[in-house]
């Protein structure tokens, strides 16, 4: 599949219609903000595409693995920043969780779909690593935020369980379940509404690139399974590895909001938002 420069520019003209509609009806999202988002998209995708082109043409396996590591680190940092937790404190455990989930799931997917040769071919493992590391951003951000907010707003339940003989891990189980729900529920919803509610973009793309329809459908299903596995595994590892960083020596929750700045007290709206943590647990 070859796309010429003129074809690319003509295709990008499709963005003119939504921008014109936004301007005509005065949507709250300004045209300038939309143009800024489009420019950032083009720049970011262009950088990643250029890096992958260079790696495929001139780089070896070592350079490609270094690029995968950069993707994992960037995904981890973005997830922490979105969760509004301390980057300094959470960087190591979250990066380790994302790295393990991406590597384990990615290697399994490559072996199942393409065989051992794909493990040393940047053409295969670079896109897979990019897909899996990108998925963990939103999942880890939402899960870590829910995990910490649940502990912050409902610490009475946590100390009640500790006072009644529960171990530290047992007292955290209710909050871990809530964090895992943030990863499991969206994944199941996406799989259940595939084609009808969510377009199988990977399948259509593989078909456009010349592969058979059945092969493309099988690969779409494999990717969805890998994405779901990586999402759950990354969250499980993240909440497990961050325990030693979230609590002090007296098992009290540390203030980690605002990247290390003084934590803002919980508001009534925050408490209402997190009220779905079951206080009758235990």
C-alpha atoms as a PDB file:
ATOM      1  CA  UNK A   1       0.000   0.000   0.000  1.00  0.00           C
ATOM      2  CA  UNK A   2       1.600   3.241  -1.216  1.00  0.00           C
ATOM      3  CA  UNK A   3       0.248   6.681  -0.284  1.00  0.00           C
ATOM      4  CA  UNK A   4       1.563   9.638  -2.279  1.00  0.00           C
ATOM      5  CA  UNK A   5       2.107  13.086  -0.793  1.00  0.00           C
ATOM      6  CA  UNK A   6      -0.745  14.513  -2.857  1.00  0.00           C
ATOM      7  CA  UNK A   7      -3.028  11.683  -1.752  1.00  0.00           C
ATOM      8  CA  UNK A   8      -2.094  12.301   1.869  1.00  0.00           C
ATOM      9  CA  UNK A   9      -2.848  16.030   1.611  1.00  0.00           C
ATOM     10  CA  UNK A  10      -6.157  15.383  -0.134  1.00  0.00           C
ATOM     11  CA  UNK A  11      -7.103  12.901   2.586  1.00  0.00           C
ATOM     12  CA  UNK A  12      -6.263  15.376   5.344  1.00  0.00           C
ATOM     13  CA  UNK A  13      -8.657  17.857   3.720  1.00  0.00           C
ATOM     14  CA  UNK A  14     -11.436  15.771   5.280  1.00  0.00           C
ATOM     15  CA  UNK A  15     -10.687  17.648   8.507  1.00  0.00           C
ATOM     16  CA  UNK A  16     -11.885  20.876   6.903  1.00  0.00           C
ATOM     17  CA  UNK A  17     -15.554  19.868   7.163  1.00  0.00           C
ATOM     18  CA  UNK A  18     -15.702  19.340  10.982  1.00  0.00           C
ATOM     19  CA  UNK A  19     -13.623  22.499  11.497  1.00  0.00           C
ATOM     20  CA  UNK A  20     -16.054  24.497   9.339  1.00  0.00           C
ATOM     21  CA  UNK A  21     -19.029  23.094  11.258  1.00  0.00           C
ATOM     22  CA  UNK A  22     -17.404  23.970  14.568  1.00  0.00           C
ATOM     23  CA  UNK A  23     -16.797  27.538  13.397  1.00  0.00           C
ATOM     24  CA  UNK A  24     -20.268  27.952  11.891  1.00  0.00           C
ATOM     25  CA  UNK A  25     -22.176  26.854  14.994  1.00  0.00           C
ATOM     26  CA  UNK A  26     -19.783  28.354  17.525  1.00  0.00           C
ATOM     27  CA  UNK A  27     -19.056  25.175  19.444  1.00  0.00           C
ATOM     28  CA  UNK A  28     -17.466  25.626  22.835  1.00  0.00           C
ATOM     29  CA  UNK A  29     -14.383  23.830  21.512  1.00  0.00           C
ATOM     30  CA  UNK A  30     -12.688  26.638  19.629  1.00  0.00           C
ATOM     31  CA  UNK A  31     -11.291  26.229  16.125  1.00  0.00           C
ATOM     32  CA  UNK A  32      -7.866  27.203  17.415  1.00  0.00           C
ATOM     33  CA  UNK A  33      -7.935  24.433  20.002  1.00  0.00           C
ATOM     34  CA  UNK A  34      -8.997  21.916  17.345  1.00  0.00           C
ATOM     35  CA  UNK A  35      -6.212  23.055  15.003  1.00  0.00           C
ATOM     36  CA  UNK A  36      -3.710  22.753  17.848  1.00  0.00           C
ATOM     37  CA  UNK A  37      -4.858  19.177  18.521  1.00  0.00           C
ATOM     38  CA  UNK A  38      -4.569  18.297  14.816  1.00  0.00           C
ATOM     39  CA  UNK A  39      -1.069  19.769  14.600  1.00  0.00           C
ATOM     40  CA  UNK A  40       0.033  17.844  17.691  1.00  0.00           C
ATOM     41  CA  UNK A  41      -1.401  14.650  16.243  1.00  0.00           C
ATOM     42  CA  UNK A  42       0.468  15.129  12.975  1.00  0.00           C
ATOM     43  CA  UNK A  43       3.715  15.951  14.775  1.00  0.00           C
ATOM     44  CA  UNK A  44       3.536  13.054  17.232  1.00  0.00           C
ATOM     45  CA  UNK A  45       2.518  10.482  14.622  1.00  0.00           C
ATOM     46  CA  UNK A  46       5.134  11.855  12.252  1.00  0.00           C
ATOM     47  CA  UNK A  47       7.859  11.477  14.866  1.00  0.00           C
ATOM     48  CA  UNK A  48       6.850   7.912  15.699  1.00  0.00           C
ATOM     49  CA  UNK A  49       6.475   7.020  12.023  1.00  0.00           C
ATOM     50  CA  UNK A  50       9.850   8.510  11.183  1.00  0.00           C
ATOM     51  CA  UNK A  51      11.491   6.646  14.052  1.00  0.00           C
ATOM     52  CA  UNK A  52       9.937   3.341  12.969  1.00  0.00           C
ATOM     53  CA  UNK A  53      10.956   3.945   9.335  1.00  0.00           C
ATOM     54  CA  UNK A  54      14.543   4.573  10.415  1.00  0.00           C
ATOM     55  CA  UNK A  55      14.573   1.486  12.618  1.00  0.00           C
ATOM     56  CA  UNK A  56      13.182  -0.716   9.851  1.00  0.00           C
ATOM     57  CA  UNK A  57      15.680   0.563   7.299  1.00  0.00           C
ATOM     58  CA  UNK A  58      18.858   1.057   9.286  1.00  0.00           C
ATOM     59  CA  UNK A  59      18.347  -0.066  12.888  1.00  0.00           C
ATOM     60  CA  UNK A  60      18.946  -3.449  14.431  1.00  0.00           C
ATOM     61  CA  UNK A  61      17.126  -5.402  17.088  1.00  0.00           C
ATOM     62  CA  UNK A  62      18.961  -3.546  19.856  1.00  0.00           C
ATOM     63  CA  UNK A  63      17.852  -0.130  18.602  1.00  0.00           C
ATOM     64  CA  UNK A  64      14.293  -1.384  18.204  1.00  0.00           C
ATOM     65  CA  UNK A  65      14.230  -2.699  21.773  1.00  0.00           C
ATOM     66  CA  UNK A  66      15.504   0.666  22.985  1.00  0.00           C
ATOM     67  CA  UNK A  67      12.638   2.328  21.120  1.00  0.00           C
ATOM     68  CA  UNK A  68      10.167  -0.048  22.801  1.00  0.00           C
ATOM     69  CA  UNK A  69      11.641   0.894  26.180  1.00  0.00           C
ATOM     70  CA  UNK A  70      11.135   4.579  25.358  1.00  0.00           C
ATOM     71  CA  UNK A  71       7.494   3.876  24.442  1.00  0.00           C
ATOM     72  CA  UNK A  72       6.965   2.062  27.755  1.00  0.00           C
ATOM     73  CA  UNK A  73       8.523   4.893  29.767  1.00  0.00           C
ATOM     74  CA  UNK A  74       6.492   7.555  27.959  1.00  0.00           C
ATOM     75  CA  UNK A  75       3.288   5.556  28.472  1.00  0.00           C
ATOM     76  CA  UNK A  76       4.037   5.140  32.178  1.00  0.00           C
ATOM     77  CA  UNK A  77       4.791   8.832  32.679  1.00  0.00           C
ATOM     78  CA  UNK A  78       1.627   9.840  30.822  1.00  0.00           C
ATOM     79  CA  UNK A  79      -0.472   7.443  32.924  1.00  0.00           C
ATOM     80  CA  UNK A  80       0.934   8.834  36.178  1.00  0.00           C
ATOM     81  CA  UNK A  81       0.388  12.427  35.102  1.00  0.00           C
ATOM     82  CA  UNK A  82      -3.206  11.669  34.086  1.00  0.00           C
ATOM     83  CA  UNK A  83      -3.868  10.007  37.433  1.00  0.00           C
ATOM     84  CA  UNK A  84      -2.534  13.173  39.140  1.00  0.00           C
ATOM     85  CA  UNK A  85      -0.282  11.165  41.443  1.00  0.00           C
ATOM     86  CA  UNK A  86       3.321  11.918  42.298  1.00  0.00           C
ATOM     87  CA  UNK A  87       5.565  11.211  39.311  1.00  0.00           C
ATOM     88  CA  UNK A  88       8.650  11.089  41.506  1.00  0.00           C
ATOM     89  CA  UNK A  89       7.174   8.423  43.795  1.00  0.00           C
ATOM     90  CA  UNK A  90       5.185   6.369  41.299  1.00  0.00           C
ATOM     91  CA  UNK A  91       7.566   6.301  38.337  1.00  0.00           C
ATOM     92  CA  UNK A  92       9.473   3.121  39.209  1.00  0.00           C
ATOM     93  CA  UNK A  93       6.553   0.827  40.192  1.00  0.00           C
ATOM     94  CA  UNK A  94       4.257   1.952  37.365  1.00  0.00           C
ATOM     95  CA  UNK A  95       6.998   1.688  34.735  1.00  0.00           C
ATOM     96  CA  UNK A  96       7.891  -1.787  35.982  1.00  0.00           C
ATOM     97  CA  UNK A  97       4.218  -2.835  35.841  1.00  0.00           C
ATOM     98  CA  UNK A  98       3.740  -1.521  32.297  1.00  0.00           C
ATOM     99  CA  UNK A  99       7.023  -3.051  31.111  1.00  0.00           C
ATOM    100  CA  UNK A 100       6.204  -6.520  32.437  1.00  0.00           C
ATOM    101  CA  UNK A 101       2.660  -6.488  31.062  1.00  0.00           C
ATOM    102  CA  UNK A 102       3.751  -5.258  27.605  1.00  0.00           C
ATOM    103  CA  UNK A 103       6.674  -7.671  27.311  1.00  0.00           C
ATOM    104  CA  UNK A 104       4.863 -10.768  28.585  1.00  0.00           C
ATOM    105  CA  UNK A 105       1.673 -10.161  26.613  1.00  0.00           C
ATOM    106  CA  UNK A 106       3.494  -8.989  23.496  1.00  0.00           C
ATOM    107  CA  UNK A 107       5.827 -11.985  23.373  1.00  0.00           C
ATOM    108  CA  UNK A 108       2.895 -14.368  23.807  1.00  0.00           C
ATOM    109  CA  UNK A 109       0.929 -12.657  21.017  1.00  0.00           C
ATOM    110  CA  UNK A 110       3.873 -12.670  18.612  1.00  0.00           C
ATOM    111  CA  UNK A 111       4.606 -16.337  19.241  1.00  0.00           C
ATOM    112  CA  UNK A 112       0.958 -17.289  18.815  1.00  0.00           C
ATOM    113  CA  UNK A 113       0.358 -15.246  15.660  1.00  0.00           C
ATOM    114  CA  UNK A 114       3.681 -15.215  13.786  1.00  0.00           C
ATOM    115  CA  UNK A 115       6.090 -17.678  15.383  1.00  0.00           C
ATOM    116  CA  UNK A 116       9.558 -17.217  16.825  1.00  0.00           C
ATOM    117  CA  UNK A 117      10.826 -15.183  13.883  1.00  0.00           C
ATOM    118  CA  UNK A 118       8.602 -12.249  14.852  1.00  0.00           C
ATOM    119  CA  UNK A 119      10.501 -11.786  18.123  1.00  0.00           C
ATOM    120  CA  UNK A 120      13.559 -10.467  16.230  1.00  0.00           C
ATOM    121  CA  UNK A 121      11.682  -8.606  13.499  1.00  0.00           C
ATOM    122  CA  UNK A 122      10.974  -4.901  14.181  1.00  0.00           C
ATOM    123  CA  UNK A 123       8.202  -5.073  11.578  1.00  0.00           C
ATOM    124  CA  UNK A 124       6.180  -7.213  13.989  1.00  0.00           C
ATOM    125  CA  UNK A 125       7.195  -6.440  17.563  1.00  0.00           C
ATOM    126  CA  UNK A 126       7.321  -2.635  17.216  1.00  0.00           C
ATOM    127  CA  UNK A 127       3.597  -2.238  16.311  1.00  0.00           C
ATOM    128  CA  UNK A 128       2.545  -4.782  18.941  1.00  0.00           C
ATOM    129  CA  UNK A 129       4.560  -3.036  21.645  1.00  0.00           C
ATOM    130  CA  UNK A 130       3.143   0.317  20.562  1.00  0.00           C
ATOM    131  CA  UNK A 131      -0.456  -0.910  20.720  1.00  0.00           C
ATOM    132  CA  UNK A 132      -0.062  -2.538  24.130  1.00  0.00           C
ATOM    133  CA  UNK A 133       1.873   0.308  25.744  1.00  0.00           C
ATOM    134  CA  UNK A 134      -0.620   2.854  24.407  1.00  0.00           C
ATOM    135  CA  UNK A 135      -3.567   0.944  25.852  1.00  0.00           C
ATOM    136  CA  UNK A 136      -2.068   0.952  29.345  1.00  0.00           C
ATOM    137  CA  UNK A 137      -2.088   4.770  29.523  1.00  0.00           C
ATOM    138  CA  UNK A 138      -5.804   5.300  30.044  1.00  0.00           C
ATOM    139  CA  UNK A 139      -6.321   2.040  31.928  1.00  0.00           C
ATOM    140  CA  UNK A 140      -3.542   2.610  34.471  1.00  0.00           C
ATOM    141  CA  UNK A 141      -4.441   6.281  34.896  1.00  0.00           C
ATOM    142  CA  UNK A 142      -8.094   5.578  35.680  1.00  0.00           C
ATOM    143  CA  UNK A 143      -7.333   2.563  37.875  1.00  0.00           C
ATOM    144  CA  UNK A 144      -4.596   4.204  39.941  1.00  0.00           C
ATOM    145  CA  UNK A 145      -6.720   7.306  40.418  1.00  0.00           C
ATOM    146  CA  UNK A 146      -9.691   5.207  41.579  1.00  0.00           C
ATOM    147  CA  UNK A 147      -7.432   3.129  43.854  1.00  0.00           C
ATOM    148  CA  UNK A 148      -5.873   6.126  45.574  1.00  0.00           C
ATOM    149  CA  UNK A 149      -9.106   8.136  45.799  1.00  0.00           C
ATOM    150  CA  UNK A 150     -10.905   5.153  47.287  1.00  0.00           C
ATOM    151  CA  UNK A 151      -8.257   4.832  49.991  1.00  0.00           C
ATOM    152  CA  UNK A 152      -8.222   8.573  50.607  1.00  0.00           C
ATOM    153  CA  UNK A 153     -11.974   8.987  50.989  1.00  0.00           C
ATOM    154  CA  UNK A 154     -12.753   5.672  52.690  1.00  0.00           C
ATOM    155  CA  UNK A 155      -9.749   5.123  54.941  1.00  0.00           C
ATOM    156  CA  UNK A 156     -12.118   4.344  57.827  1.00  0.00           C
ATOM    157  CA  UNK A 157     -12.937   1.042  56.154  1.00  0.00           C
ATOM    158  CA  UNK A 158      -9.239   0.325  55.654  1.00  0.00           C
ATOM    159  CA  UNK A 159      -8.362   0.936  59.335  1.00  0.00           C
ATOM    160  CA  UNK A 160     -11.505  -0.893  60.476  1.00  0.00           C
ATOM    161  CA  UNK A 161     -10.366  -4.020  58.664  1.00  0.00           C
ATOM    162  CA  UNK A 162      -6.846  -3.680  60.056  1.00  0.00           C
ATOM    163  CA  UNK A 163      -8.230  -3.275  63.569  1.00  0.00           C
ATOM    164  CA  UNK A 164     -10.290  -6.446  63.194  1.00  0.00           C
ATOM    165  CA  UNK A 165      -7.340  -8.656  62.368  1.00  0.00           C
ATOM    166  CA  UNK A 166      -7.029  -8.284  58.594  1.00  0.00           C
ATOM    167  CA  UNK A 167      -3.570  -8.146  57.082  1.00  0.00           C
ATOM    168  CA  UNK A 168      -2.431  -5.137  55.077  1.00  0.00           C
ATOM    169  CA  UNK A 169      -3.124  -6.964  51.802  1.00  0.00           C
ATOM    170  CA  UNK A 170      -6.532  -8.177  52.964  1.00  0.00           C
ATOM    171  CA  UNK A 171      -7.563  -4.673  54.009  1.00  0.00           C
ATOM    172  CA  UNK A 172      -6.696  -3.374  50.538  1.00  0.00           C
ATOM    173  CA  UNK A 173      -8.657  -6.026  48.651  1.00  0.00           C
ATOM    174  CA  UNK A 174     -11.828  -3.923  48.374  1.00  0.00           C
ATOM    175  CA  UNK A 175      -9.890  -1.052  46.845  1.00  0.00           C
ATOM    176  CA  UNK A 176      -7.913  -3.338  44.539  1.00  0.00           C
ATOM    177  CA  UNK A 177     -11.201  -4.747  43.226  1.00  0.00           C
ATOM    178  CA  UNK A 178     -12.389  -1.242  42.417  1.00  0.00           C
ATOM    179  CA  UNK A 179      -9.161  -0.467  40.548  1.00  0.00           C
ATOM    180  CA  UNK A 180      -9.407  -3.704  38.572  1.00  0.00           C
ATOM    181  CA  UNK A 181     -13.005  -2.905  37.640  1.00  0.00           C
ATOM    182  CA  UNK A 182     -11.706   0.205  35.889  1.00  0.00           C
ATOM    183  CA  UNK A 183      -9.649  -2.080  33.646  1.00  0.00           C
ATOM    184  CA  UNK A 184     -12.057  -4.999  33.244  1.00  0.00           C
ATOM    185  CA  UNK A 185     -15.375  -3.238  32.596  1.00  0.00           C
ATOM    186  CA  UNK A 186     -14.249  -1.066  29.626  1.00  0.00           C
ATOM    187  CA  UNK A 187     -12.401  -4.013  28.076  1.00  0.00           C
ATOM    188  CA  UNK A 188     -15.399  -6.312  28.290  1.00  0.00           C
ATOM    189  CA  UNK A 189     -17.689  -3.591  26.981  1.00  0.00           C
ATOM    190  CA  UNK A 190     -15.448  -2.995  23.984  1.00  0.00           C
ATOM    191  CA  UNK A 191     -15.238  -6.685  23.163  1.00  0.00           C
ATOM    192  CA  UNK A 192     -19.004  -7.141  23.537  1.00  0.00           C
ATOM    193  CA  UNK A 193     -19.792  -4.287  21.137  1.00  0.00           C
ATOM    194  CA  UNK A 194     -17.107  -5.020  18.531  1.00  0.00           C
ATOM    195  CA  UNK A 195     -18.293  -4.211  14.990  1.00  0.00           C
ATOM    196  CA  UNK A 196     -21.643  -2.845  16.240  1.00  0.00           C
ATOM    197  CA  UNK A 197     -20.417  -0.356  18.844  1.00  0.00           C
ATOM    198  CA  UNK A 198     -16.684  -0.282  18.081  1.00  0.00           C
ATOM    199  CA  UNK A 199     -15.156  -0.698  14.661  1.00  0.00           C
ATOM    200  CA  UNK A 200     -12.462  -3.420  14.388  1.00  0.00           C
ATOM    201  CA  UNK A 201      -9.946  -0.977  12.935  1.00  0.00           C
ATOM    202  CA  UNK A 202      -7.056  -3.441  12.941  1.00  0.00           C
ATOM    203  CA  UNK A 203      -9.030  -6.014  10.960  1.00  0.00           C
ATOM    204  CA  UNK A 204     -10.035  -3.525   8.273  1.00  0.00           C
ATOM    205  CA  UNK A 205      -6.467  -2.200   8.085  1.00  0.00           C
ATOM    206  CA  UNK A 206      -4.985  -5.669   7.673  1.00  0.00           C
ATOM    207  CA  UNK A 207      -7.505  -6.412   4.909  1.00  0.00           C
ATOM    208  CA  UNK A 208      -6.531  -3.178   3.126  1.00  0.00           C
ATOM    209  CA  UNK A 209      -2.881  -4.236   3.299  1.00  0.00           C
ATOM    210  CA  UNK A 210      -3.658  -7.393   1.321  1.00  0.00           C
ATOM    211  CA  UNK A 211      -4.213 -10.093   3.917  1.00  0.00           C
ATOM    212  CA  UNK A 212      -7.139 -12.494   3.777  1.00  0.00           C
ATOM    213  CA  UNK A 213     -10.367 -11.679   5.571  1.00  0.00           C
ATOM    214  CA  UNK A 214     -10.230 -14.691   7.890  1.00  0.00           C
ATOM    215  CA  UNK A 215      -6.589 -14.019   8.763  1.00  0.00           C
ATOM    216  CA  UNK A 216      -7.415 -10.372   9.487  1.00  0.00           C
ATOM    217  CA  UNK A 217     -10.372 -11.337  11.694  1.00  0.00           C
ATOM    218  CA  UNK A 218      -8.230 -13.829  13.606  1.00  0.00           C
ATOM    219  CA  UNK A 219      -5.521 -11.215  14.172  1.00  0.00           C
ATOM    220  CA  UNK A 220      -8.109  -8.693  15.383  1.00  0.00           C
ATOM    221  CA  UNK A 221      -9.335 -11.203  17.959  1.00  0.00           C
ATOM    222  CA  UNK A 222      -5.778 -11.987  19.064  1.00  0.00           C
ATOM    223  CA  UNK A 223      -4.986  -8.298  19.481  1.00  0.00           C
ATOM    224  CA  UNK A 224      -8.159  -7.712  21.505  1.00  0.00           C
ATOM    225  CA  UNK A 225      -7.266 -10.633  23.779  1.00  0.00           C
ATOM    226  CA  UNK A 226      -3.742  -9.262  24.221  1.00  0.00           C
ATOM    227  CA  UNK A 227      -5.005  -5.748  24.925  1.00  0.00           C
ATOM    228  CA  UNK A 228      -7.437  -7.018  27.558  1.00  0.00           C
ATOM    229  CA  UNK A 229      -4.744  -9.160  29.177  1.00  0.00           C
ATOM    230  CA  UNK A 230      -2.191  -6.321  29.192  1.00  0.00           C
ATOM    231  CA  UNK A 231      -4.749  -3.923  30.703  1.00  0.00           C
ATOM    232  CA  UNK A 232      -5.638  -6.189  33.617  1.00  0.00           C
ATOM    233  CA  UNK A 233      -2.058  -7.338  34.201  1.00  0.00           C
ATOM    234  CA  UNK A 234      -0.651  -3.798  34.198  1.00  0.00           C
ATOM    235  CA  UNK A 235      -3.246  -2.601  36.722  1.00  0.00           C
ATOM    236  CA  UNK A 236      -2.790  -5.628  38.976  1.00  0.00           C
ATOM    237  CA  UNK A 237       0.992  -5.207  38.994  1.00  0.00           C
ATOM    238  CA  UNK A 238       0.745  -1.433  39.428  1.00  0.00           C
ATOM    239  CA  UNK A 239      -1.499  -1.537  42.499  1.00  0.00           C
ATOM    240  CA  UNK A 240       0.643  -4.333  43.945  1.00  0.00           C
ATOM    241  CA  UNK A 241       3.994  -2.640  43.386  1.00  0.00           C
ATOM    242  CA  UNK A 242       2.811   0.787  44.536  1.00  0.00           C
ATOM    243  CA  UNK A 243       1.765  -0.409  47.993  1.00  0.00           C
ATOM    244  CA  UNK A 244       5.147   0.183  49.571  1.00  0.00           C
ATOM    245  CA  UNK A 245       5.222   3.697  48.102  1.00  0.00           C
ATOM    246  CA  UNK A 246       1.687   4.721  49.113  1.00  0.00           C
ATOM    247  CA  UNK A 247       1.930   3.936  52.838  1.00  0.00           C
ATOM    248  CA  UNK A 248       4.313   5.009  55.579  1.00  0.00           C
ATOM    249  CA  UNK A 249       5.795   2.762  58.257  1.00  0.00           C
ATOM    250  CA  UNK A 250       2.544   3.017  60.257  1.00  0.00           C
ATOM    251  CA  UNK A 251       0.408   1.843  57.285  1.00  0.00           C
ATOM    252  CA  UNK A 252      -1.002   5.339  56.830  1.00  0.00           C
ATOM    253  CA  UNK A 253      -1.701   6.651  53.326  1.00  0.00           C
ATOM    254  CA  UNK A 254       0.806   9.213  52.060  1.00  0.00           C
ATOM    255  CA  UNK A 255      -0.318  12.419  50.302  1.00  0.00           C
ATOM    256  CA  UNK A 256       0.557  11.688  46.665  1.00  0.00           C
ATOM    257  CA  UNK A 257      -1.763  14.038  44.811  1.00  0.00           C
ATOM    258  CA  UNK A 258      -0.360  16.882  42.749  1.00  0.00           C
ATOM    259  CA  UNK A 259       3.029  15.293  42.000  1.00  0.00           C
ATOM    260  CA  UNK A 260       4.334  15.656  45.509  1.00  0.00           C
ATOM    261  CA  UNK A 261       2.704  19.012  46.383  1.00  0.00           C
ATOM    262  CA  UNK A 262       0.466  19.433  49.383  1.00  0.00           C
ATOM    263  CA  UNK A 263      -2.664  17.410  48.887  1.00  0.00           C
ATOM    264  CA  UNK A 264      -5.968  19.232  48.594  1.00  0.00           C
ATOM    265  CA  UNK A 265      -8.577  17.959  51.086  1.00  0.00           C
ATOM    266  CA  UNK A 266     -11.351  15.858  49.663  1.00  0.00           C
ATOM    267  CA  UNK A 267     -14.418  17.813  48.596  1.00  0.00           C
ATOM    268  CA  UNK A 268     -18.029  16.763  48.933  1.00  0.00           C
ATOM    269  CA  UNK A 269     -18.108  16.117  45.189  1.00  0.00           C
ATOM    270  CA  UNK A 270     -15.028  13.873  45.444  1.00  0.00           C
ATOM    271  CA  UNK A 271     -16.619  11.887  48.242  1.00  0.00           C
ATOM    272  CA  UNK A 272     -19.853  11.457  46.299  1.00  0.00           C
ATOM    273  CA  UNK A 273     -17.942  10.363  43.210  1.00  0.00           C
ATOM    274  CA  UNK A 274     -16.104   7.655  45.119  1.00  0.00           C
ATOM    275  CA  UNK A 275     -19.071   6.535  47.212  1.00  0.00           C
ATOM    276  CA  UNK A 276     -19.385   3.313  45.281  1.00  0.00           C
ATOM    277  CA  UNK A 277     -16.637   1.690  47.363  1.00  0.00           C
ATOM    278  CA  UNK A 278     -18.630  -0.790  49.473  1.00  0.00           C
ATOM    279  CA  UNK A 279     -18.185   0.110  53.108  1.00  0.00           C
ATOM    280  CA  UNK A 280     -19.712  -3.162  54.204  1.00  0.00           C
ATOM    281  CA  UNK A 281     -16.732  -5.140  52.839  1.00  0.00           C
ATOM    282  CA  UNK A 282     -15.150  -7.450  55.396  1.00  0.00           C
END
